[in-house]
Amino acid sequence: MDRYEYKVNGETFFSEKRAVDAAVLLRAAFAGKAVGEDPDKTGYVLRVPDSDVTFVSGQVVELDKYGIFRAAPEQGAPFA
């Protein structure tokens, strides 16, 4: 069976499915300590580095096209 590797905030994860809802990837990242807050309670966005491509819960991610993500809360923190 194929496994698809992906990274969220530098941590490596695997999926047995090629097309996965972003929410599933974010939950795995939370369980694996790659994100600090529960993505079901705090909205997160997955950003593809060096690209304008983003994914939020409800959107399907094709792991054979995209495999490296930066996850951050949707309402970014203010900068001082």
PDB file of N, CA and C in Angstrom:
ATOM      1  N   MET A   1       0.842  -1.185   0.000  1.00  0.00           N
ATOM      2  CA  MET A   1       0.000   0.000   0.000  1.00  0.00           C
ATOM      3  C   MET A   1       0.883   1.243   0.000  1.00  0.00           C
ATOM      4  N   ASP A   2       0.504   2.221  -0.788  1.00  0.00           N
ATOM      5  CA  ASP A   2       1.254   3.472  -0.858  1.00  0.00           C
ATOM      6  C   ASP A   2       1.024   4.301   0.397  1.00  0.00           C
ATOM      7  N   ARG A   3       2.068   5.003   0.795  1.00  0.00           N
ATOM      8  CA  ARG A   3       1.960   5.979   1.873  1.00  0.00           C
ATOM      9  C   ARG A   3       2.511   7.281   1.348  1.00  0.00           C
ATOM     10  N   TYR A   4       1.859   8.352   1.709  1.00  0.00           N
ATOM     11  CA  TYR A   4       2.258   9.674   1.257  1.00  0.00           C
ATOM     12  C   TYR A   4       2.837  10.440   2.436  1.00  0.00           C
ATOM     13  N   GLU A   5       4.065  10.879   2.270  1.00  0.00           N
ATOM     14  CA  GLU A   5       4.749  11.634   3.313  1.00  0.00           C
ATOM     15  C   GLU A   5       4.428  13.114   3.151  1.00  0.00           C
ATOM     16  N   TYR A   6       4.221  13.778   4.270  1.00  0.00           N
ATOM     17  CA  TYR A   6       4.055  15.226   4.251  1.00  0.00           C
ATOM     18  C   TYR A   6       4.650  15.797   5.532  1.00  0.00           C
ATOM     19  N   LYS A   7       4.963  17.083   5.491  1.00  0.00           N
ATOM     20  CA  LYS A   7       5.554  17.754   6.642  1.00  0.00           C
ATOM     21  C   LYS A   7       4.715  18.971   7.009  1.00  0.00           C
ATOM     22  N   VAL A   8       4.523  19.143   8.302  1.00  0.00           N
ATOM     23  CA  VAL A   8       3.839  20.321   8.831  1.00  0.00           C
ATOM     24  C   VAL A   8       4.763  20.926   9.881  1.00  0.00           C
ATOM     25  N   ASN A   9       5.156  22.170   9.660  1.00  0.00           N
ATOM     26  CA  ASN A   9       6.054  22.882  10.577  1.00  0.00           C
ATOM     27  C   ASN A   9       7.307  22.061  10.891  1.00  0.00           C
ATOM     28  N   GLY A  10       7.817  21.375   9.881  1.00  0.00           N
ATOM     29  CA  GLY A  10       9.062  20.634  10.015  1.00  0.00           C
ATOM     30  C   GLY A  10       8.920  19.211  10.528  1.00  0.00           C
ATOM     31  N   GLU A  11       7.750  18.823  10.993  1.00  0.00           N
ATOM     32  CA  GLU A  11       7.526  17.465  11.498  1.00  0.00           C
ATOM     33  C   GLU A  11       6.967  16.592  10.370  1.00  0.00           C
ATOM     34  N   THR A  12       7.424  15.346  10.295  1.00  0.00           N
ATOM     35  CA  THR A  12       7.030  14.431   9.228  1.00  0.00           C
ATOM     36  C   THR A  12       5.858  13.555   9.653  1.00  0.00           C
ATOM     37  N   PHE A  13       4.898  13.411   8.744  1.00  0.00           N
ATOM     38  CA  PHE A  13       3.711  12.586   8.956  1.00  0.00           C
ATOM     39  C   PHE A  13       3.468  11.764   7.702  1.00  0.00           C
ATOM     40  N   PHE A  14       2.582  10.765   7.808  1.00  0.00           N
ATOM     41  CA  PHE A  14       2.262   9.913   6.673  1.00  0.00           C
ATOM     42  C   PHE A  14       0.749   9.736   6.563  1.00  0.00           C
ATOM     43  N   SER A  15       0.284   9.600   5.332  1.00  0.00           N
ATOM     44  CA  SER A  15      -1.117   9.330   5.050  1.00  0.00           C
ATOM     45  C   SER A  15      -1.191   8.164   4.079  1.00  0.00           C
ATOM     46  N   GLU A  16      -2.194   7.331   4.240  1.00  0.00           N
ATOM     47  CA  GLU A  16      -2.399   6.236   3.297  1.00  0.00           C
ATOM     48  C   GLU A  16      -3.233   6.686   2.103  1.00  0.00           C
ATOM     49  N   LYS A  17      -3.775   7.902   2.191  1.00  0.00           N
ATOM     50  CA  LYS A  17      -4.585   8.438   1.097  1.00  0.00           C
ATOM     51  C   LYS A  17      -3.843   9.566   0.407  1.00  0.00           C
ATOM     52  N   ARG A  18      -4.017   9.644  -0.894  1.00  0.00           N
ATOM     53  CA  ARG A  18      -3.384  10.694  -1.683  1.00  0.00           C
ATOM     54  C   ARG A  18      -4.115  12.020  -1.524  1.00  0.00           C
ATOM     55  N   ALA A  19      -5.436  11.977  -1.477  1.00  0.00           N
ATOM     56  CA  ALA A  19      -6.250  13.178  -1.343  1.00  0.00           C
ATOM     57  C   ALA A  19      -6.876  13.180   0.053  1.00  0.00           C
ATOM     58  N   VAL A  20      -6.549  14.218   0.836  1.00  0.00           N
ATOM     59  CA  VAL A  20      -6.968  14.270   2.233  1.00  0.00           C
ATOM     60  C   VAL A  20      -7.500  15.661   2.555  1.00  0.00           C
ATOM     61  N   ASP A  21      -8.549  15.728   3.352  1.00  0.00           N
ATOM     62  CA  ASP A  21      -9.071  17.013   3.823  1.00  0.00           C
ATOM     63  C   ASP A  21      -7.999  17.672   4.689  1.00  0.00           C
ATOM     64  N   ALA A  22      -7.826  18.955   4.529  1.00  0.00           N
ATOM     65  CA  ALA A  22      -6.839  19.694   5.319  1.00  0.00           C
ATOM     66  C   ALA A  22      -7.070  19.516   6.810  1.00  0.00           C
ATOM     67  N   ALA A  23      -8.318  19.348   7.232  1.00  0.00           N
ATOM     68  CA  ALA A  23      -8.626  19.147   8.649  1.00  0.00           C
ATOM     69  C   ALA A  23      -7.945  17.895   9.192  1.00  0.00           C
ATOM     70  N   VAL A  24      -7.880  16.844   8.394  1.00  0.00           N
ATOM     71  CA  VAL A  24      -7.236  15.596   8.816  1.00  0.00           C
ATOM     72  C   VAL A  24      -5.739  15.828   9.019  1.00  0.00           C
ATOM     73  N   LEU A  25      -5.126  16.568   8.107  1.00  0.00           N
ATOM     74  CA  LEU A  25      -3.698  16.864   8.224  1.00  0.00           C
ATOM     75  C   LEU A  25      -3.431  17.722   9.458  1.00  0.00           C
ATOM     76  N   LEU A  26      -4.294  18.682   9.716  1.00  0.00           N
ATOM     77  CA  LEU A  26      -4.120  19.558  10.879  1.00  0.00           C
ATOM     78  C   LEU A  26      -4.306  18.796  12.185  1.00  0.00           C
ATOM     79  N   ARG A  27      -5.269  17.873  12.229  1.00  0.00           N
ATOM     80  CA  ARG A  27      -5.465  17.067  13.447  1.00  0.00           C
ATOM     81  C   ARG A  27      -4.247  16.194  13.709  1.00  0.00           C
ATOM     82  N   ALA A  28      -3.691  15.609  12.655  1.00  0.00           N
ATOM     83  CA  ALA A  28      -2.480  14.791  12.816  1.00  0.00           C
ATOM     84  C   ALA A  28      -1.323  15.650  13.300  1.00  0.00           C
ATOM     85  N   ALA A  29      -1.218  16.861  12.778  1.00  0.00           N
ATOM     86  CA  ALA A  29      -0.152  17.772  13.200  1.00  0.00           C
ATOM     87  C   ALA A  29      -0.313  18.146  14.671  1.00  0.00           C
ATOM     88  N   PHE A  30      -1.538  18.336  15.127  1.00  0.00           N
ATOM     89  CA  PHE A  30      -1.790  18.650  16.535  1.00  0.00           C
ATOM     90  C   PHE A  30      -1.426  17.449  17.410  1.00  0.00           C
ATOM     91  N   ALA A  31      -1.836  16.260  17.007  1.00  0.00           N
ATOM     92  CA  ALA A  31      -1.521  15.045  17.768  1.00  0.00           C
ATOM     93  C   ALA A  31      -0.011  14.816  17.827  1.00  0.00           C
ATOM     94  N   GLY A  32       0.689  15.190  16.751  1.00  0.00           N
ATOM     95  CA  GLY A  32       2.137  15.022  16.689  1.00  0.00           C
ATOM     96  C   GLY A  32       2.913  16.215  17.212  1.00  0.00           C
ATOM     97  N   LYS A  33       2.203  17.166  17.828  1.00  0.00           N
ATOM     98  CA  LYS A  33       2.819  18.343  18.464  1.00  0.00           C
ATOM     99  C   LYS A  33       3.458  19.330  17.481  1.00  0.00           C
ATOM    100  N   ALA A  34       3.047  19.278  16.204  1.00  0.00           N
ATOM    101  CA  ALA A  34       3.571  20.236  15.223  1.00  0.00           C
ATOM    102  C   ALA A  34       2.822  21.564  15.280  1.00  0.00           C
ATOM    103  N   VAL A  35       1.602  21.545  15.831  1.00  0.00           N
ATOM    104  CA  VAL A  35       0.862  22.776  16.094  1.00  0.00           C
ATOM    105  C   VAL A  35       0.434  22.744  17.557  1.00  0.00           C
ATOM    106  N   GLY A  36       0.385  23.907  18.177  1.00  0.00           N
ATOM    107  CA  GLY A  36       0.177  23.975  19.607  1.00  0.00           C
ATOM    108  C   GLY A  36      -1.261  24.002  20.078  1.00  0.00           C
ATOM    109  N   GLU A  37      -2.193  24.330  19.188  1.00  0.00           N
ATOM    110  CA  GLU A  37      -3.587  24.435  19.594  1.00  0.00           C
ATOM    111  C   GLU A  37      -4.445  23.488  18.769  1.00  0.00           C
ATOM    112  N   ASP A  38      -5.526  23.027  19.353  1.00  0.00           N
ATOM    113  CA  ASP A  38      -6.446  22.119  18.678  1.00  0.00           C
ATOM    114  C   ASP A  38      -7.031  22.814  17.446  1.00  0.00           C
ATOM    115  N   PRO A  39      -6.787  22.288  16.241  1.00  0.00           N
ATOM    116  CA  PRO A  39      -7.288  22.942  15.031  1.00  0.00           C
ATOM    117  C   PRO A  39      -8.811  22.913  14.912  1.00  0.00           C
ATOM    118  N   ASP A  40      -9.482  22.061  15.694  1.00  0.00           N
ATOM    119  CA  ASP A  40     -10.937  22.053  15.684  1.00  0.00           C
ATOM    120  C   ASP A  40     -11.503  23.202  16.511  1.00  0.00           C
ATOM    121  N   LYS A  41     -10.686  23.770  17.394  1.00  0.00           N
ATOM    122  CA  LYS A  41     -11.114  24.892  18.229  1.00  0.00           C
ATOM    123  C   LYS A  41     -10.514  26.213  17.757  1.00  0.00           C
ATOM    124  N   THR A  42      -9.328  26.155  17.186  1.00  0.00           N
ATOM    125  CA  THR A  42      -8.637  27.331  16.660  1.00  0.00           C
ATOM    126  C   THR A  42      -8.451  27.114  15.167  1.00  0.00           C
ATOM    127  N   GLY A  43      -9.023  27.952  14.346  1.00  0.00           N
ATOM    128  CA  GLY A  43      -8.890  27.788  12.903  1.00  0.00           C
ATOM    129  C   GLY A  43      -7.440  27.910  12.461  1.00  0.00           C
ATOM    130  N   TYR A  44      -6.987  26.939  11.700  1.00  0.00           N
ATOM    131  CA  TYR A  44      -5.622  26.949  11.171  1.00  0.00           C
ATOM    132  C   TYR A  44      -5.660  26.954   9.659  1.00  0.00           C
ATOM    133  N   VAL A  45      -4.610  27.469   9.078  1.00  0.00           N
ATOM    134  CA  VAL A  45      -4.425  27.437   7.636  1.00  0.00           C
ATOM    135  C   VAL A  45      -3.094  26.737   7.355  1.00  0.00           C
ATOM    136  N   LEU A  46      -3.091  25.910   6.318  1.00  0.00           N
ATOM    137  CA  LEU A  46      -1.857  25.279   5.842  1.00  0.00           C
ATOM    138  C   LEU A  46      -1.360  26.097   4.668  1.00  0.00           C
ATOM    139  N   ARG A  47      -0.138  26.581   4.754  1.00  0.00           N
ATOM    140  CA  ARG A  47       0.468  27.354   3.665  1.00  0.00           C
ATOM    141  C   ARG A  47       1.581  26.535   3.022  1.00  0.00           C
ATOM    142  N   VAL A  48       1.614  26.539   1.706  1.00  0.00           N
ATOM    143  CA  VAL A  48       2.701  25.902   0.969  1.00  0.00           C
ATOM    144  C   VAL A  48       3.826  26.929   0.875  1.00  0.00           C
ATOM    145  N   PRO A  49       5.011  26.605   1.414  1.00  0.00           N
ATOM    146  CA  PRO A  49       6.114  27.577   1.388  1.00  0.00           C
ATOM    147  C   PRO A  49       6.442  28.046  -0.030  1.00  0.00           C
ATOM    148  N   ASP A  50       6.862  29.302  -0.142  1.00  0.00           N
ATOM    149  CA  ASP A  50       7.258  29.906  -1.416  1.00  0.00           C
ATOM    150  C   ASP A  50       6.157  29.828  -2.469  1.00  0.00           C
ATOM    151  N   SER A  51       4.901  29.959  -2.014  1.00  0.00           N
ATOM    152  CA  SER A  51       3.755  29.849  -2.905  1.00  0.00           C
ATOM    153  C   SER A  51       2.597  30.638  -2.299  1.00  0.00           C
ATOM    154  N   ASP A  52       1.601  30.930  -3.114  1.00  0.00           N
ATOM    155  CA  ASP A  52       0.385  31.562  -2.633  1.00  0.00           C
ATOM    156  C   ASP A  52      -0.685  30.525  -2.297  1.00  0.00           C
ATOM    157  N   VAL A  53      -0.343  29.237  -2.390  1.00  0.00           N
ATOM    158  CA  VAL A  53      -1.300  28.156  -2.172  1.00  0.00           C
ATOM    159  C   VAL A  53      -1.529  27.965  -0.677  1.00  0.00           C
ATOM    160  N   THR A  54      -2.808  27.942  -0.283  1.00  0.00           N
ATOM    161  CA  THR A  54      -3.188  27.687   1.109  1.00  0.00           C
ATOM    162  C   THR A  54      -4.357  26.707   1.139  1.00  0.00           C
ATOM    163  N   PHE A  55      -4.508  26.046   2.273  1.00  0.00           N
ATOM    164  CA  PHE A  55      -5.618  25.118   2.486  1.00  0.00           C
ATOM    165  C   PHE A  55      -6.182  25.339   3.880  1.00  0.00           C
ATOM    166  N   VAL A  56      -7.509  25.248   3.998  1.00  0.00           N
ATOM    167  CA  VAL A  56      -8.187  25.307   5.288  1.00  0.00           C
ATOM    168  C   VAL A  56      -9.090  24.080   5.387  1.00  0.00           C
ATOM    169  N   SER A  57      -9.586  23.831   6.588  1.00  0.00           N
ATOM    170  CA  SER A  57     -10.489  22.695   6.793  1.00  0.00           C
ATOM    171  C   SER A  57     -11.606  22.713   5.762  1.00  0.00           C
ATOM    172  N   GLY A  58     -11.886  21.553   5.211  1.00  0.00           N
ATOM    173  CA  GLY A  58     -12.911  21.445   4.174  1.00  0.00           C
ATOM    174  C   GLY A  58     -12.352  21.404   2.769  1.00  0.00           C
ATOM    175  N   GLN A  59     -11.090  21.793   2.609  1.00  0.00           N
ATOM    176  CA  GLN A  59     -10.451  21.737   1.289  1.00  0.00           C
ATOM    177  C   GLN A  59      -9.597  20.475   1.201  1.00  0.00           C
ATOM    178  N   VAL A  60      -9.605  19.871   0.014  1.00  0.00           N
ATOM    179  CA  VAL A  60      -8.851  18.638  -0.205  1.00  0.00           C
ATOM    180  C   VAL A  60      -7.431  18.973  -0.647  1.00  0.00           C
ATOM    181  N   VAL A  61      -6.468  18.321  -0.003  1.00  0.00           N
ATOM    182  CA  VAL A  61      -5.051  18.483  -0.327  1.00  0.00           C
ATOM    183  C   VAL A  61      -4.600  17.258  -1.102  1.00  0.00           C
ATOM    184  N   GLU A  62      -3.997  17.473  -2.250  1.00  0.00           N
ATOM    185  CA  GLU A  62      -3.439  16.384  -3.056  1.00  0.00           C
ATOM    186  C   GLU A  62      -1.984  16.194  -2.619  1.00  0.00           C
ATOM    187  N   LEU A  63      -1.725  15.134  -1.859  1.00  0.00           N
ATOM    188  CA  LEU A  63      -0.394  14.953  -1.277  1.00  0.00           C
ATOM    189  C   LEU A  63       0.666  14.553  -2.301  1.00  0.00           C
ATOM    190  N   ASP A  64       0.264  14.197  -3.509  1.00  0.00           N
ATOM    191  CA  ASP A  64       1.259  13.943  -4.540  1.00  0.00           C
ATOM    192  C   ASP A  64       1.681  15.243  -5.230  1.00  0.00           C
ATOM    193  N   LYS A  65       0.964  16.345  -4.954  1.00  0.00           N
ATOM    194  CA  LYS A  65       1.323  17.663  -5.501  1.00  0.00           C
ATOM    195  C   LYS A  65       1.965  18.552  -4.443  1.00  0.00           C
ATOM    196  N   TYR A  66       1.449  18.469  -3.232  1.00  0.00           N
ATOM    197  CA  TYR A  66       1.933  19.313  -2.134  1.00  0.00           C
ATOM    198  C   TYR A  66       2.274  18.425  -0.942  1.00  0.00           C
ATOM    199  N   GLY A  67       3.411  18.677  -0.320  1.00  0.00           N
ATOM    200  CA  GLY A  67       3.801  17.825   0.789  1.00  0.00           C
ATOM    201  C   GLY A  67       4.507  18.548   1.920  1.00  0.00           C
ATOM    202  N   ILE A  68       4.740  19.841   1.763  1.00  0.00           N
ATOM    203  CA  ILE A  68       5.400  20.609   2.815  1.00  0.00           C
ATOM    204  C   ILE A  68       4.521  21.812   3.130  1.00  0.00           C
ATOM    205  N   PHE A  69       4.209  21.963   4.428  1.00  0.00           N
ATOM    206  CA  PHE A  69       3.285  23.015   4.846  1.00  0.00           C
ATOM    207  C   PHE A  69       3.792  23.739   6.086  1.00  0.00           C
ATOM    208  N   ARG A  70       3.396  24.995   6.191  1.00  0.00           N
ATOM    209  CA  ARG A  70       3.541  25.773   7.424  1.00  0.00           C
ATOM    210  C   ARG A  70       2.113  25.969   7.920  1.00  0.00           C
ATOM    211  N   ALA A  71       1.865  25.606   9.160  1.00  0.00           N
ATOM    212  CA  ALA A  71       0.532  25.775   9.731  1.00  0.00           C
ATOM    213  C   ALA A  71       0.547  26.912  10.730  1.00  0.00           C
ATOM    214  N   ALA A  72      -0.470  27.758  10.664  1.00  0.00           N
ATOM    215  CA  ALA A  72      -0.588  28.881  11.576  1.00  0.00           C
ATOM    216  C   ALA A  72      -2.062  29.201  11.761  1.00  0.00           C
ATOM    217  N   PRO A  73      -2.408  29.813  12.901  1.00  0.00           N
ATOM    218  CA  PRO A  73      -3.801  30.210  13.078  1.00  0.00           C
ATOM    219  C   PRO A  73      -4.246  31.121  11.937  1.00  0.00           C
ATOM    220  N   GLU A  74      -5.479  30.971  11.530  1.00  0.00           N
ATOM    221  CA  GLU A  74      -6.013  31.762  10.407  1.00  0.00           C
ATOM    222  C   GLU A  74      -5.975  33.256  10.683  1.00  0.00           C
ATOM    223  N   GLN A  75      -6.188  33.649  11.911  1.00  0.00           N
ATOM    224  CA  GLN A  75      -6.213  35.068  12.262  1.00  0.00           C
ATOM    225  C   GLN A  75      -4.855  35.511  12.770  1.00  0.00           C
ATOM    226  N   GLY A  76      -3.791  35.245  12.081  1.00  0.00           N
ATOM    227  CA  GLY A  76      -2.420  35.550  12.482  1.00  0.00           C
ATOM    228  C   GLY A  76      -2.244  36.477  13.674  1.00  0.00           C
ATOM    229  N   ALA A  77      -1.235  36.243  14.429  1.00  0.00           N
ATOM    230  CA  ALA A  77      -0.946  37.044  15.606  1.00  0.00           C
ATOM    231  C   ALA A  77      -0.459  38.428  15.199  1.00  0.00           C
ATOM    232  N   PRO A  78      -0.833  39.429  15.941  1.00  0.00           N
ATOM    233  CA  PRO A  78      -0.348  40.786  15.626  1.00  0.00           C
ATOM    234  C   PRO A  78       1.140  40.911  15.901  1.00  0.00           C
ATOM    235  N   PHE A  79       1.801  41.702  15.123  1.00  0.00           N
ATOM    236  CA  PHE A  79       3.246  41.908  15.304  1.00  0.00           C
ATOM    237  C   PHE A  79       3.489  43.223  16.019  1.00  0.00           C
ATOM    238  N   ALA A  80       4.442  43.212  16.910  1.00  0.00           N
ATOM    239  CA  ALA A  80       4.770  44.434  17.669  1.00  0.00           C
ATOM    240  C   ALA A  80       5.757  45.277  16.907  1.00  0.00           C
TER     241      ALA A  80
END
